[in-house]
Amino acid sequence: MLSDYDAHLPVDGIKRTSQIRSGLGLHRSEASCQTISPIIEDPFEPLGSNDRANVIIDSLKWSHEAGRAECLAYVVMPDHFHWVFRLGDCELSDVVASVSRFTSVRVNRLTGWGGAFWQGGFYDHAHRVSDTTSRHIRYVASNPVNAGLVQHPDQWPFTEVFPDW
């Protein structure tokens, strides 16, 4: 539940991290937290249906269960999603690429679409301190309210903070 998440935020487990940009992508130290926000290519074909949103959620869950990324929070919006996570045993670019590939193929198969599903690139932010992670989790949880989709974060079916996976 959203109102309870502050009590469970792993403040002591979040270490300071640095990010280095290179042609190979973002490199990180262990236990760094990230927020990514991929955007779909065609905003007129929204993600907000149960089937499409669940494809994305299933991919995040798989990444979590496989130890690639510990999910702290996510929200699937009509034309993008936000995901706050702690990297596991791989690089950010690998995690994002696998989620993007899986969701593109599955949603295109589900809808009969073809071609690019996600825009090239994505917004990302490496969290250096726990306060930043807490702010990102709040932002993710309140995104449907801020967008005028619901009155309270708990009303949006495609949001979860500290999922019980």
C-alpha atoms as a PDB file:
ATOM      1  CA  MET A   1       0.000   0.000   0.000  1.00  0.00           C
ATOM      2  CA  LEU A   2       1.283   3.429  -0.932  1.00  0.00           C
ATOM      3  CA  SER A   3       0.843   5.025   2.487  1.00  0.00           C
ATOM      4  CA  ASP A   4       3.049   2.364   4.091  1.00  0.00           C
ATOM      5  CA  TYR A   5       6.014   2.466   1.740  1.00  0.00           C
ATOM      6  CA  ASP A   6       8.191   4.939   3.679  1.00  0.00           C
ATOM      7  CA  ALA A   7       8.458   2.504   6.583  1.00  0.00           C
ATOM      8  CA  HIS A   8       9.833  -0.162   4.249  1.00  0.00           C
ATOM      9  CA  LEU A   9      12.249   1.968   2.245  1.00  0.00           C
ATOM     10  CA  PRO A  10      15.661   0.305   2.561  1.00  0.00           C
ATOM     11  CA  VAL A  11      17.496   3.488   3.519  1.00  0.00           C
ATOM     12  CA  ASP A  12      20.593   1.797   4.915  1.00  0.00           C
ATOM     13  CA  GLY A  13      20.918  -0.502   1.925  1.00  0.00           C
ATOM     14  CA  ILE A  14      21.222   2.314  -0.593  1.00  0.00           C
ATOM     15  CA  LYS A  15      24.813   3.343  -1.143  1.00  0.00           C
ATOM     16  CA  ARG A  16      26.095   6.418  -2.866  1.00  0.00           C
ATOM     17  CA  THR A  17      26.783   5.730  -6.508  1.00  0.00           C
ATOM     18  CA  SER A  18      28.334   7.486  -9.417  1.00  0.00           C
ATOM     19  CA  GLN A  19      27.263   7.327 -13.007  1.00  0.00           C
ATOM     20  CA  ILE A  20      29.624   7.418 -15.930  1.00  0.00           C
ATOM     21  CA  ARG A  21      28.233   7.957 -19.395  1.00  0.00           C
ATOM     22  CA  SER A  22      30.056   6.365 -22.280  1.00  0.00           C
ATOM     23  CA  GLY A  23      29.261   4.851 -25.625  1.00  0.00           C
ATOM     24  CA  LEU A  24      28.512   1.622 -23.777  1.00  0.00           C
ATOM     25  CA  GLY A  25      25.847   3.097 -21.534  1.00  0.00           C
ATOM     26  CA  LEU A  26      25.520   3.740 -17.837  1.00  0.00           C
ATOM     27  CA  HIS A  27      27.856   1.907 -15.494  1.00  0.00           C
ATOM     28  CA  ARG A  28      27.115   1.651 -11.816  1.00  0.00           C
ATOM     29  CA  SER A  29      28.335   0.414  -8.505  1.00  0.00           C
ATOM     30  CA  GLU A  30      26.542  -2.286  -6.550  1.00  0.00           C
ATOM     31  CA  ALA A  31      23.255  -1.335  -4.856  1.00  0.00           C
ATOM     32  CA  SER A  32      22.633   1.738  -6.989  1.00  0.00           C
ATOM     33  CA  CYS A  33      18.995   2.590  -7.554  1.00  0.00           C
ATOM     34  CA  GLN A  34      17.623   3.706 -10.898  1.00  0.00           C
ATOM     35  CA  THR A  35      14.461   5.170 -12.311  1.00  0.00           C
ATOM     36  CA  ILE A  36      13.735   4.655 -15.995  1.00  0.00           C
ATOM     37  CA  SER A  37      10.865   6.014 -18.072  1.00  0.00           C
ATOM     38  CA  PRO A  38      10.507   4.506 -21.561  1.00  0.00           C
ATOM     39  CA  ILE A  39       7.899   6.075 -23.882  1.00  0.00           C
ATOM     40  CA  ILE A  40       5.929   4.239 -26.566  1.00  0.00           C
ATOM     41  CA  GLU A  41       6.444   5.173 -30.202  1.00  0.00           C
ATOM     42  CA  ASP A  42       2.750   5.784 -30.962  1.00  0.00           C
ATOM     43  CA  PRO A  43       0.927   7.707 -28.205  1.00  0.00           C
ATOM     44  CA  PHE A  44      -2.403   7.074 -29.925  1.00  0.00           C
ATOM     45  CA  GLU A  45      -2.204   3.374 -29.072  1.00  0.00           C
ATOM     46  CA  PRO A  46      -2.170   3.492 -25.265  1.00  0.00           C
ATOM     47  CA  LEU A  47      -0.681   1.006 -22.836  1.00  0.00           C
ATOM     48  CA  GLY A  48      -3.518   1.461 -20.373  1.00  0.00           C
ATOM     49  CA  SER A  49      -5.409  -1.718 -21.266  1.00  0.00           C
ATOM     50  CA  ASN A  50      -5.122  -4.668 -18.903  1.00  0.00           C
ATOM     51  CA  ASP A  51      -3.426  -6.913 -21.469  1.00  0.00           C
ATOM     52  CA  ARG A  52      -0.781  -4.394 -22.544  1.00  0.00           C
ATOM     53  CA  ALA A  53      -0.055  -3.143 -19.039  1.00  0.00           C
ATOM     54  CA  ASN A  54       0.235  -6.709 -17.748  1.00  0.00           C
ATOM     55  CA  VAL A  55       2.850  -7.531 -20.397  1.00  0.00           C
ATOM     56  CA  ILE A  56       5.006  -4.729 -18.991  1.00  0.00           C
ATOM     57  CA  ILE A  57       4.325  -5.702 -15.379  1.00  0.00           C
ATOM     58  CA  ASP A  58       5.164  -9.353 -16.146  1.00  0.00           C
ATOM     59  CA  SER A  59       8.479  -8.251 -17.632  1.00  0.00           C
ATOM     60  CA  LEU A  60       9.344  -6.181 -14.547  1.00  0.00           C
ATOM     61  CA  LYS A  61       8.369  -9.121 -12.341  1.00  0.00           C
ATOM     62  CA  TRP A  62      10.582 -11.479 -14.353  1.00  0.00           C
ATOM     63  CA  SER A  63      13.525  -9.066 -14.039  1.00  0.00           C
ATOM     64  CA  HIS A  64      12.915  -8.942 -10.285  1.00  0.00           C
ATOM     65  CA  GLU A  65      12.620 -12.718  -9.857  1.00  0.00           C
ATOM     66  CA  ALA A  66      15.681 -13.363 -12.046  1.00  0.00           C
ATOM     67  CA  GLY A  67      17.786 -11.110  -9.819  1.00  0.00           C
ATOM     68  CA  ARG A  68      18.443  -8.599 -12.571  1.00  0.00           C
ATOM     69  CA  ALA A  69      16.604  -5.710 -10.895  1.00  0.00           C
ATOM     70  CA  GLU A  70      14.934  -5.465  -7.487  1.00  0.00           C
ATOM     71  CA  CYS A  71      11.640  -3.674  -8.130  1.00  0.00           C
ATOM     72  CA  LEU A  72      10.924  -0.855  -5.678  1.00  0.00           C
ATOM     73  CA  ALA A  73       7.988   0.727  -7.536  1.00  0.00           C
ATOM     74  CA  TYR A  74       6.402   0.997 -10.968  1.00  0.00           C
ATOM     75  CA  VAL A  75       3.507   2.626 -12.755  1.00  0.00           C
ATOM     76  CA  VAL A  76       2.266   1.876 -16.266  1.00  0.00           C
ATOM     77  CA  MET A  77       0.728   5.003 -17.784  1.00  0.00           C
ATOM     78  CA  PRO A  78      -1.122   5.290 -21.115  1.00  0.00           C
ATOM     79  CA  ASP A  79       2.010   6.164 -23.137  1.00  0.00           C
ATOM     80  CA  HIS A  80       4.969   5.295 -20.882  1.00  0.00           C
ATOM     81  CA  PHE A  81       5.962   3.599 -17.677  1.00  0.00           C
ATOM     82  CA  HIS A  82       8.177   4.506 -14.735  1.00  0.00           C
ATOM     83  CA  TRP A  83      10.190   1.879 -12.918  1.00  0.00           C
ATOM     84  CA  VAL A  84      12.249   2.417  -9.755  1.00  0.00           C
ATOM     85  CA  PHE A  85      14.623  -0.449  -9.051  1.00  0.00           C
ATOM     86  CA  ARG A  86      17.959  -1.488  -7.623  1.00  0.00           C
ATOM     87  CA  LEU A  87      20.218  -3.106 -10.192  1.00  0.00           C
ATOM     88  CA  GLY A  88      21.102  -6.717  -9.608  1.00  0.00           C
ATOM     89  CA  ASP A  89      23.821  -8.648 -11.368  1.00  0.00           C
ATOM     90  CA  CYS A  90      23.837  -6.843 -14.717  1.00  0.00           C
ATOM     91  CA  GLU A  91      24.167  -3.430 -16.315  1.00  0.00           C
ATOM     92  CA  LEU A  92      21.337  -0.932 -16.730  1.00  0.00           C
ATOM     93  CA  SER A  93      21.526  -1.166 -20.512  1.00  0.00           C
ATOM     94  CA  ASP A  94      21.066  -4.966 -20.354  1.00  0.00           C
ATOM     95  CA  VAL A  95      18.022  -4.715 -18.076  1.00  0.00           C
ATOM     96  CA  VAL A  96      16.361  -2.034 -20.199  1.00  0.00           C
ATOM     97  CA  ALA A  97      17.134  -3.865 -23.450  1.00  0.00           C
ATOM     98  CA  SER A  98      15.616  -7.132 -22.226  1.00  0.00           C
ATOM     99  CA  VAL A  99      12.467  -5.427 -20.892  1.00  0.00           C
ATOM    100  CA  SER A 100      12.121  -3.431 -24.117  1.00  0.00           C
ATOM    101  CA  ARG A 101      12.586  -6.458 -26.372  1.00  0.00           C
ATOM    102  CA  PHE A 102      10.223  -8.683 -24.408  1.00  0.00           C
ATOM    103  CA  THR A 103       7.457  -6.081 -24.140  1.00  0.00           C
ATOM    104  CA  SER A 104       7.785  -5.016 -27.794  1.00  0.00           C
ATOM    105  CA  VAL A 105       7.445  -8.559 -29.094  1.00  0.00           C
ATOM    106  CA  ARG A 106       4.604  -9.482 -26.722  1.00  0.00           C
ATOM    107  CA  VAL A 107       2.529  -6.311 -27.229  1.00  0.00           C
ATOM    108  CA  ASN A 108       3.041  -6.400 -31.007  1.00  0.00           C
ATOM    109  CA  ARG A 109       1.947 -10.050 -31.053  1.00  0.00           C
ATOM    110  CA  LEU A 110      -1.033  -9.306 -28.799  1.00  0.00           C
ATOM    111  CA  THR A 111      -2.248  -6.372 -30.895  1.00  0.00           C
ATOM    112  CA  GLY A 112      -1.159  -7.445 -34.364  1.00  0.00           C
ATOM    113  CA  TRP A 113       1.102  -4.411 -34.650  1.00  0.00           C
ATOM    114  CA  GLY A 114       4.558  -4.425 -36.185  1.00  0.00           C
ATOM    115  CA  GLY A 115       7.606  -2.229 -36.121  1.00  0.00           C
ATOM    116  CA  ALA A 116       9.012  -0.084 -33.359  1.00  0.00           C
ATOM    117  CA  PHE A 117       7.030  -0.109 -30.139  1.00  0.00           C
ATOM    118  CA  TRP A 118       9.267   1.983 -27.850  1.00  0.00           C
ATOM    119  CA  GLN A 119      10.889   5.265 -28.774  1.00  0.00           C
ATOM    120  CA  GLY A 120      14.660   5.066 -29.084  1.00  0.00           C
ATOM    121  CA  GLY A 121      16.328   5.752 -25.761  1.00  0.00           C
ATOM    122  CA  PHE A 122      14.691   6.345 -22.398  1.00  0.00           C
ATOM    123  CA  TYR A 123      14.847   8.726 -19.491  1.00  0.00           C
ATOM    124  CA  ASP A 124      16.901   7.458 -16.591  1.00  0.00           C
ATOM    125  CA  HIS A 125      18.134   8.722 -13.259  1.00  0.00           C
ATOM    126  CA  ALA A 126      20.698   7.105 -10.967  1.00  0.00           C
ATOM    127  CA  HIS A 127      19.879   7.707  -7.299  1.00  0.00           C
ATOM    128  CA  ARG A 128      22.787   8.711  -5.139  1.00  0.00           C
ATOM    129  CA  VAL A 129      21.010   8.943  -1.770  1.00  0.00           C
ATOM    130  CA  SER A 130      17.921   7.394  -0.194  1.00  0.00           C
ATOM    131  CA  ASP A 131      16.026  10.712  -0.167  1.00  0.00           C
ATOM    132  CA  THR A 132      16.210  10.788  -3.951  1.00  0.00           C
ATOM    133  CA  THR A 133      14.884   7.236  -4.168  1.00  0.00           C
ATOM    134  CA  SER A 134      12.036   8.145  -1.823  1.00  0.00           C
ATOM    135  CA  ARG A 135      11.138  11.160  -3.982  1.00  0.00           C
ATOM    136  CA  HIS A 136      11.156   9.024  -7.127  1.00  0.00           C
ATOM    137  CA  ILE A 137       8.896   6.425  -5.514  1.00  0.00           C
ATOM    138  CA  ARG A 138       6.458   9.157  -4.479  1.00  0.00           C
ATOM    139  CA  TYR A 139       6.511  10.596  -7.993  1.00  0.00           C
ATOM    140  CA  VAL A 140       5.868   7.197  -9.568  1.00  0.00           C
ATOM    141  CA  ALA A 141       2.998   6.417  -7.186  1.00  0.00           C
ATOM    142  CA  SER A 142       1.350   9.816  -7.670  1.00  0.00           C
ATOM    143  CA  ASN A 143       1.818   9.958 -11.454  1.00  0.00           C
ATOM    144  CA  PRO A 144      -1.742   8.777 -12.311  1.00  0.00           C
ATOM    145  CA  VAL A 145      -3.188  11.413  -9.943  1.00  0.00           C
ATOM    146  CA  ASN A 146      -0.994  14.161 -11.377  1.00  0.00           C
ATOM    147  CA  ALA A 147      -2.082  13.134 -14.882  1.00  0.00           C
ATOM    148  CA  GLY A 148      -5.758  13.407 -13.878  1.00  0.00           C
ATOM    149  CA  LEU A 149      -6.465   9.706 -14.415  1.00  0.00           C
ATOM    150  CA  VAL A 150      -7.592   8.995 -10.835  1.00  0.00           C
ATOM    151  CA  GLN A 151      -8.226  10.861  -7.578  1.00  0.00           C
ATOM    152  CA  HIS A 152      -5.978   8.699  -5.368  1.00  0.00           C
ATOM    153  CA  PRO A 153      -2.892   6.602  -6.255  1.00  0.00           C
ATOM    154  CA  ASP A 154      -4.484   3.385  -4.971  1.00  0.00           C
ATOM    155  CA  GLN A 155      -7.201   3.718  -7.632  1.00  0.00           C
ATOM    156  CA  TRP A 156      -4.820   3.178 -10.567  1.00  0.00           C
ATOM    157  CA  PRO A 157      -4.583  -0.573 -11.242  1.00  0.00           C
ATOM    158  CA  PHE A 158      -1.109  -0.442 -12.807  1.00  0.00           C
ATOM    159  CA  THR A 159       0.861   1.023  -9.880  1.00  0.00           C
ATOM    160  CA  GLU A 160       2.666  -0.821  -7.150  1.00  0.00           C
ATOM    161  CA  VAL A 161       5.152   0.172  -4.473  1.00  0.00           C
ATOM    162  CA  PHE A 162       7.356  -2.616  -3.098  1.00  0.00           C
ATOM    163  CA  PRO A 163       5.474  -5.406  -4.887  1.00  0.00           C
ATOM    164  CA  ASP A 164       5.183  -8.685  -3.010  1.00  0.00           C
ATOM    165  CA  TRP A 165       6.846 -10.879  -5.646  1.00  0.00           C
END
